[in-house]
Amino acid sequence: MEFIVDGTVVMAALILLLVFMSPPPWIFGIILVFALVSSLIIFIILDIYFALKIVNKIVLWICKHIKSVKERKEDILEKYEGFRQNFKRALQDKGIFSQTLTLSFMRKAFEGMKYYVLLAALGHQIGFTSIFIAVGLSITLLLIPGIPGNIGVYEGGMAAVFIFLGVPSGVAATAVFLDRLVWYWGITGIGGILGTKYGLDLLTKRKAEEI
């Protein structure tokens, strides 16, 4: 569901970008990588939905060549088939489909508001079109294969995007830094602390129940 919304937002953002602006070459590089990764994701989605068995064969190949995975082959295949059935059922259920798409679009709208408020707090007003383009390009940056969270790539890319959209470099860098500090590092840090405090207890209780 998220991928459908992300793809729609990116396509709309690219159309606005090409209509109202002259993007530099490096943006086309980002778009190319996004297109390649998106094509792979679309292929996987189609394979899962229509049971083309290609992903299934890849799972079997991994089970065959990795000893620690081989021992759990039947369990892995059973869980994958359960996931595939639920995935297909969710896409066919119009109620679930419409609700999740609506919630996902709302999340993207709040993301755009987040950038607007951050930049406004730093003394720079930015238009709706620019915000929409920034959100679309942020999605492409997060899909570029790299280190976890695309640390460095995302920050540098988003700062460059805002500068291209007319935001002063100091304001752009500060806004991206504050965004990542709160929404990535803040959540990662708090999640790690809570996971250490409560997650281990939950795992211990679950193992005890299984025994």
C-alpha atoms as a PDB file:
ATOM      1  CA  MET A   1       0.000   0.000   0.000  1.00  0.00           C
ATOM      2  CA  GLU A   2       2.800   2.375   0.945  1.00  0.00           C
ATOM      3  CA  PHE A   3       4.593   1.679  -2.319  1.00  0.00           C
ATOM      4  CA  ILE A   4       1.470   2.514  -4.357  1.00  0.00           C
ATOM      5  CA  VAL A   5       1.162   5.873  -2.583  1.00  0.00           C
ATOM      6  CA  ASP A   6       4.901   6.565  -2.786  1.00  0.00           C
ATOM      7  CA  GLY A   7       4.931   5.809  -6.509  1.00  0.00           C
ATOM      8  CA  THR A   8       1.943   8.094  -7.123  1.00  0.00           C
ATOM      9  CA  VAL A   9       3.493  10.960  -5.134  1.00  0.00           C
ATOM     10  CA  VAL A  10       6.856  10.593  -6.876  1.00  0.00           C
ATOM     11  CA  MET A  11       5.299  10.550 -10.351  1.00  0.00           C
ATOM     12  CA  ALA A  12       3.205  13.654  -9.578  1.00  0.00           C
ATOM     13  CA  ALA A  13       6.251  15.395  -8.090  1.00  0.00           C
ATOM     14  CA  LEU A  14       8.349  14.608 -11.173  1.00  0.00           C
ATOM     15  CA  ILE A  15       5.657  16.005 -13.475  1.00  0.00           C
ATOM     16  CA  LEU A  16       5.540  19.235 -11.420  1.00  0.00           C
ATOM     17  CA  LEU A  17       9.334  19.362 -11.432  1.00  0.00           C
ATOM     18  CA  LEU A  18       9.583  19.052 -15.216  1.00  0.00           C
ATOM     19  CA  VAL A  19       6.714  21.492 -15.849  1.00  0.00           C
ATOM     20  CA  PHE A  20       7.746  24.301 -13.500  1.00  0.00           C
ATOM     21  CA  MET A  21      11.529  23.894 -13.186  1.00  0.00           C
ATOM     22  CA  SER A  22      14.681  22.799 -14.997  1.00  0.00           C
ATOM     23  CA  PRO A  23      16.132  20.037 -12.802  1.00  0.00           C
ATOM     24  CA  PRO A  24      19.925  19.563 -12.667  1.00  0.00           C
ATOM     25  CA  PRO A  25      21.473  16.305 -13.983  1.00  0.00           C
ATOM     26  CA  TRP A  26      21.997  14.787 -10.507  1.00  0.00           C
ATOM     27  CA  ILE A  27      18.232  14.715  -9.927  1.00  0.00           C
ATOM     28  CA  PHE A  28      17.828  12.583 -13.051  1.00  0.00           C
ATOM     29  CA  GLY A  29      20.384  10.191 -11.539  1.00  0.00           C
ATOM     30  CA  ILE A  30      18.253   9.851  -8.416  1.00  0.00           C
ATOM     31  CA  ILE A  31      15.162   9.305 -10.574  1.00  0.00           C
ATOM     32  CA  LEU A  32      16.946   6.571 -12.566  1.00  0.00           C
ATOM     33  CA  VAL A  33      17.922   4.660  -9.415  1.00  0.00           C
ATOM     34  CA  PHE A  34      14.366   5.042  -8.094  1.00  0.00           C
ATOM     35  CA  ALA A  35      12.958   3.713 -11.373  1.00  0.00           C
ATOM     36  CA  LEU A  36      15.212   0.635 -11.234  1.00  0.00           C
ATOM     37  CA  VAL A  37      14.401  -0.143  -7.588  1.00  0.00           C
ATOM     38  CA  SER A  38      10.685   0.483  -8.209  1.00  0.00           C
ATOM     39  CA  SER A  39      10.732  -1.907 -11.175  1.00  0.00           C
ATOM     40  CA  LEU A  40      12.185  -4.616  -8.935  1.00  0.00           C
ATOM     41  CA  ILE A  41       9.536  -3.987  -6.254  1.00  0.00           C
ATOM     42  CA  ILE A  42       6.731  -4.060  -8.843  1.00  0.00           C
ATOM     43  CA  PHE A  43       8.079  -7.362 -10.177  1.00  0.00           C
ATOM     44  CA  ILE A  44       8.101  -8.840  -6.653  1.00  0.00           C
ATOM     45  CA  ILE A  45       4.554  -7.594  -5.982  1.00  0.00           C
ATOM     46  CA  LEU A  46       3.277  -9.142  -9.221  1.00  0.00           C
ATOM     47  CA  ASP A  47       5.103 -12.387  -8.456  1.00  0.00           C
ATOM     48  CA  ILE A  48       3.552 -12.589  -4.995  1.00  0.00           C
ATOM     49  CA  TYR A  49       0.043 -11.630  -6.135  1.00  0.00           C
ATOM     50  CA  PHE A  50      -0.135 -13.949  -9.152  1.00  0.00           C
ATOM     51  CA  ALA A  51       1.934 -16.767  -7.569  1.00  0.00           C
ATOM     52  CA  LEU A  52       4.495 -16.815 -10.374  1.00  0.00           C
ATOM     53  CA  LYS A  53       6.783 -18.819  -8.040  1.00  0.00           C
ATOM     54  CA  ILE A  54       9.944 -16.853  -8.884  1.00  0.00           C
ATOM     55  CA  VAL A  55      10.306 -15.439  -5.349  1.00  0.00           C
ATOM     56  CA  ASN A  56       9.480 -18.927  -4.070  1.00  0.00           C
ATOM     57  CA  LYS A  57      12.363 -20.361  -6.106  1.00  0.00           C
ATOM     58  CA  ILE A  58      14.726 -17.713  -4.723  1.00  0.00           C
ATOM     59  CA  VAL A  59      13.679 -18.655  -1.173  1.00  0.00           C
ATOM     60  CA  LEU A  60      14.280 -22.335  -1.977  1.00  0.00           C
ATOM     61  CA  TRP A  61      17.722 -21.507  -3.396  1.00  0.00           C
ATOM     62  CA  ILE A  62      18.632 -19.599  -0.219  1.00  0.00           C
ATOM     63  CA  CYS A  63      17.391 -22.483   1.921  1.00  0.00           C
ATOM     64  CA  LYS A  64      19.514 -24.900  -0.094  1.00  0.00           C
ATOM     65  CA  HIS A  65      22.774 -22.934   0.140  1.00  0.00           C
ATOM     66  CA  ILE A  66      22.641 -21.507   3.689  1.00  0.00           C
ATOM     67  CA  LYS A  67      22.842 -24.192   6.353  1.00  0.00           C
ATOM     68  CA  SER A  68      21.224 -22.220   9.193  1.00  0.00           C
ATOM     69  CA  VAL A  69      18.272 -21.381   6.926  1.00  0.00           C
ATOM     70  CA  LYS A  70      18.037 -24.884   5.440  1.00  0.00           C
ATOM     71  CA  GLU A  71      17.022 -26.315   8.814  1.00  0.00           C
ATOM     72  CA  ARG A  72      13.936 -24.057   8.863  1.00  0.00           C
ATOM     73  CA  LYS A  73      12.973 -24.415   5.198  1.00  0.00           C
ATOM     74  CA  GLU A  74       9.485 -25.811   5.790  1.00  0.00           C
ATOM     75  CA  ASP A  75       8.697 -23.151   8.404  1.00  0.00           C
ATOM     76  CA  ILE A  76       9.949 -20.365   6.104  1.00  0.00           C
ATOM     77  CA  LEU A  77       7.936 -21.613   3.123  1.00  0.00           C
ATOM     78  CA  GLU A  78       4.811 -21.972   5.284  1.00  0.00           C
ATOM     79  CA  LYS A  79       5.142 -18.394   6.585  1.00  0.00           C
ATOM     80  CA  TYR A  80       5.847 -17.044   3.099  1.00  0.00           C
ATOM     81  CA  GLU A  81       2.708 -18.707   1.727  1.00  0.00           C
ATOM     82  CA  GLY A  82       0.684 -17.305   4.633  1.00  0.00           C
ATOM     83  CA  PHE A  83       2.071 -13.838   3.875  1.00  0.00           C
ATOM     84  CA  ARG A  84       1.265 -14.240   0.167  1.00  0.00           C
ATOM     85  CA  GLN A  85      -2.343 -15.207   0.881  1.00  0.00           C
ATOM     86  CA  ASN A  86      -2.832 -12.290   3.288  1.00  0.00           C
ATOM     87  CA  PHE A  87      -1.176  -9.919   0.817  1.00  0.00           C
ATOM     88  CA  LYS A  88      -3.509 -10.971  -1.990  1.00  0.00           C
ATOM     89  CA  ARG A  89      -6.569 -10.855   0.271  1.00  0.00           C
ATOM     90  CA  ALA A  90      -5.718  -7.314   1.422  1.00  0.00           C
ATOM     91  CA  LEU A  91      -5.387  -6.057  -2.149  1.00  0.00           C
ATOM     92  CA  GLN A  92      -8.712  -7.649  -3.122  1.00  0.00           C
ATOM     93  CA  ASP A  93     -10.607  -6.237  -0.124  1.00  0.00           C
ATOM     94  CA  LYS A  94     -11.861  -2.812  -1.262  1.00  0.00           C
ATOM     95  CA  GLY A  95     -12.515  -1.663   2.309  1.00  0.00           C
ATOM     96  CA  ILE A  96      -9.003  -2.418   3.567  1.00  0.00           C
ATOM     97  CA  PHE A  97      -7.486  -1.125   0.327  1.00  0.00           C
ATOM     98  CA  SER A  98      -9.244   2.262   0.459  1.00  0.00           C
ATOM     99  CA  GLN A  99      -8.648   2.755   4.189  1.00  0.00           C
ATOM    100  CA  THR A 100      -4.935   2.027   4.028  1.00  0.00           C
ATOM    101  CA  LEU A 101      -4.450   4.192   0.940  1.00  0.00           C
ATOM    102  CA  THR A 102      -6.264   7.077   2.651  1.00  0.00           C
ATOM    103  CA  LEU A 103      -4.143   6.753   5.783  1.00  0.00           C
ATOM    104  CA  SER A 104      -0.975   6.547   3.710  1.00  0.00           C
ATOM    105  CA  PHE A 105      -1.864   9.697   1.738  1.00  0.00           C
ATOM    106  CA  MET A 106      -2.593  11.459   5.040  1.00  0.00           C
ATOM    107  CA  ARG A 107       0.832  10.448   6.321  1.00  0.00           C
ATOM    108  CA  LYS A 108       2.448  11.973   3.218  1.00  0.00           C
ATOM    109  CA  ALA A 109       0.425  15.167   3.732  1.00  0.00           C
ATOM    110  CA  PHE A 110       1.683  15.444   7.312  1.00  0.00           C
ATOM    111  CA  GLU A 111       5.219  14.868   6.049  1.00  0.00           C
ATOM    112  CA  GLY A 112       4.829  17.848   3.722  1.00  0.00           C
ATOM    113  CA  MET A 113       3.436  19.928   6.601  1.00  0.00           C
ATOM    114  CA  LYS A 114       6.453  18.915   8.679  1.00  0.00           C
ATOM    115  CA  TYR A 115       8.863  20.389   6.121  1.00  0.00           C
ATOM    116  CA  TYR A 116       6.720  23.520   5.779  1.00  0.00           C
ATOM    117  CA  VAL A 117       6.668  24.125   9.559  1.00  0.00           C
ATOM    118  CA  LEU A 118      10.402  23.437   9.927  1.00  0.00           C
ATOM    119  CA  LEU A 119      11.334  25.891   7.189  1.00  0.00           C
ATOM    120  CA  ALA A 120       8.819  28.485   8.416  1.00  0.00           C
ATOM    121  CA  ALA A 121      10.252  28.218  11.946  1.00  0.00           C
ATOM    122  CA  LEU A 122      13.678  28.949  10.471  1.00  0.00           C
ATOM    123  CA  GLY A 123      12.306  32.034   8.714  1.00  0.00           C
ATOM    124  CA  HIS A 124      11.772  30.748   5.176  1.00  0.00           C
ATOM    125  CA  GLN A 125       8.387  30.357   3.473  1.00  0.00           C
ATOM    126  CA  ILE A 126       8.104  27.736   0.732  1.00  0.00           C
ATOM    127  CA  GLY A 127       5.230  27.102  -1.688  1.00  0.00           C
ATOM    128  CA  PHE A 128       2.994  24.044  -1.946  1.00  0.00           C
ATOM    129  CA  THR A 129       4.495  22.968  -5.281  1.00  0.00           C
ATOM    130  CA  SER A 130       8.027  23.057  -3.874  1.00  0.00           C
ATOM    131  CA  ILE A 131       6.967  21.108  -0.778  1.00  0.00           C
ATOM    132  CA  PHE A 132       5.285  18.459  -2.945  1.00  0.00           C
ATOM    133  CA  ILE A 133       8.428  18.123  -5.096  1.00  0.00           C
ATOM    134  CA  ALA A 134      10.594  17.868  -1.973  1.00  0.00           C
ATOM    135  CA  VAL A 135       8.405  15.078  -0.526  1.00  0.00           C
ATOM    136  CA  GLY A 136       8.534  13.192  -3.841  1.00  0.00           C
ATOM    137  CA  LEU A 137      12.318  13.456  -4.084  1.00  0.00           C
ATOM    138  CA  SER A 138      12.722  12.467  -0.414  1.00  0.00           C
ATOM    139  CA  ILE A 139      10.982   9.172  -1.251  1.00  0.00           C
ATOM    140  CA  THR A 140      13.425   8.531  -4.108  1.00  0.00           C
ATOM    141  CA  LEU A 141      16.388   9.228  -1.814  1.00  0.00           C
ATOM    142  CA  LEU A 142      15.171   6.730   0.787  1.00  0.00           C
ATOM    143  CA  LEU A 143      14.839   4.017  -1.891  1.00  0.00           C
ATOM    144  CA  ILE A 144      18.470   4.349  -3.011  1.00  0.00           C
ATOM    145  CA  PRO A 145      20.318   1.239  -1.779  1.00  0.00           C
ATOM    146  CA  GLY A 146      22.859   2.152   0.872  1.00  0.00           C
ATOM    147  CA  ILE A 147      23.614   1.970   4.556  1.00  0.00           C
ATOM    148  CA  PRO A 148      20.694   1.652   7.019  1.00  0.00           C
ATOM    149  CA  GLY A 149      18.558   4.784   7.020  1.00  0.00           C
ATOM    150  CA  ASN A 150      20.617   6.108   4.099  1.00  0.00           C
ATOM    151  CA  ILE A 151      22.597   8.148   6.630  1.00  0.00           C
ATOM    152  CA  GLY A 152      24.538  10.856   4.819  1.00  0.00           C
ATOM    153  CA  VAL A 153      22.922  10.174   1.453  1.00  0.00           C
ATOM    154  CA  TYR A 154      19.497  11.335   2.617  1.00  0.00           C
ATOM    155  CA  GLU A 155      20.754  14.371   4.545  1.00  0.00           C
ATOM    156  CA  GLY A 156      22.998  15.577   1.729  1.00  0.00           C
ATOM    157  CA  GLY A 157      20.391  14.838  -0.920  1.00  0.00           C
ATOM    158  CA  MET A 158      17.533  16.601   0.880  1.00  0.00           C
ATOM    159  CA  ALA A 159      19.676  19.654   1.650  1.00  0.00           C
ATOM    160  CA  ALA A 160      20.595  19.823  -2.048  1.00  0.00           C
ATOM    161  CA  VAL A 161      16.911  19.445  -3.007  1.00  0.00           C
ATOM    162  CA  PHE A 162      15.857  22.347  -0.774  1.00  0.00           C
ATOM    163  CA  ILE A 163      18.711  24.518  -2.039  1.00  0.00           C
ATOM    164  CA  PHE A 164      17.625  23.741  -5.624  1.00  0.00           C
ATOM    165  CA  LEU A 165      14.074  24.787  -4.644  1.00  0.00           C
ATOM    166  CA  GLY A 166      15.348  28.180  -3.506  1.00  0.00           C
ATOM    167  CA  VAL A 167      15.931  27.633   0.211  1.00  0.00           C
ATOM    168  CA  PRO A 168      19.128  29.281   1.572  1.00  0.00           C
ATOM    169  CA  SER A 169      21.832  26.668   2.181  1.00  0.00           C
ATOM    170  CA  GLY A 170      22.078  27.326   5.941  1.00  0.00           C
ATOM    171  CA  VAL A 171      18.315  27.057   6.414  1.00  0.00           C
ATOM    172  CA  ALA A 172      18.133  23.912   4.232  1.00  0.00           C
ATOM    173  CA  ALA A 173      20.911  22.137   6.147  1.00  0.00           C
ATOM    174  CA  THR A 174      19.431  23.076   9.529  1.00  0.00           C
ATOM    175  CA  ALA A 175      15.923  21.934   8.558  1.00  0.00           C
ATOM    176  CA  VAL A 176      17.183  18.551   7.327  1.00  0.00           C
ATOM    177  CA  PHE A 177      19.355  18.126  10.444  1.00  0.00           C
ATOM    178  CA  LEU A 178      16.428  18.863  12.791  1.00  0.00           C
ATOM    179  CA  ASP A 179      14.154  16.560  10.787  1.00  0.00           C
ATOM    180  CA  ARG A 180      16.548  13.630  11.042  1.00  0.00           C
ATOM    181  CA  LEU A 181      17.438  14.401  14.672  1.00  0.00           C
ATOM    182  CA  VAL A 182      13.796  14.074  15.749  1.00  0.00           C
ATOM    183  CA  TRP A 183      12.238  11.635  13.266  1.00  0.00           C
ATOM    184  CA  TYR A 184      15.149   9.239  12.735  1.00  0.00           C
ATOM    185  CA  TRP A 185      17.674   9.479  15.565  1.00  0.00           C
ATOM    186  CA  GLY A 186      15.043  10.350  18.165  1.00  0.00           C
ATOM    187  CA  ILE A 187      12.795   7.418  17.277  1.00  0.00           C
ATOM    188  CA  THR A 188      15.779   5.061  16.850  1.00  0.00           C
ATOM    189  CA  GLY A 189      17.186   6.041  20.258  1.00  0.00           C
ATOM    190  CA  ILE A 190      13.868   5.811  22.114  1.00  0.00           C
ATOM    191  CA  GLY A 191      13.001   2.557  20.306  1.00  0.00           C
ATOM    192  CA  GLY A 192      16.373   1.090  21.245  1.00  0.00           C
ATOM    193  CA  ILE A 193      15.931   2.011  24.911  1.00  0.00           C
ATOM    194  CA  LEU A 194      12.376   0.642  25.054  1.00  0.00           C
ATOM    195  CA  GLY A 195      13.434  -2.457  23.123  1.00  0.00           C
ATOM    196  CA  THR A 196      16.242  -3.131  25.573  1.00  0.00           C
ATOM    197  CA  LYS A 197      13.981  -2.559  28.574  1.00  0.00           C
ATOM    198  CA  TYR A 198      10.808  -4.359  27.447  1.00  0.00           C
ATOM    199  CA  GLY A 199      11.668  -6.294  24.282  1.00  0.00           C
ATOM    200  CA  LEU A 200      13.945  -8.818  25.965  1.00  0.00           C
ATOM    201  CA  ASP A 201      11.281  -9.543  28.592  1.00  0.00           C
ATOM    202  CA  LEU A 202       8.701 -10.131  25.860  1.00  0.00           C
ATOM    203  CA  LEU A 203      11.044 -12.517  24.021  1.00  0.00           C
ATOM    204  CA  THR A 204      11.778 -14.396  27.242  1.00  0.00           C
ATOM    205  CA  LYS A 205       8.056 -14.759  28.025  1.00  0.00           C
ATOM    206  CA  ARG A 206       7.327 -15.916  24.476  1.00  0.00           C
ATOM    207  CA  LYS A 207      10.053 -18.611  24.634  1.00  0.00           C
ATOM    208  CA  ALA A 208       8.740 -19.725  28.020  1.00  0.00           C
ATOM    209  CA  GLU A 209       5.197 -20.049  26.576  1.00  0.00           C
ATOM    210  CA  GLU A 210       6.512 -22.096  23.639  1.00  0.00           C
ATOM    211  CA  ILE A 211       8.284 -24.469  26.017  1.00  0.00           C
END
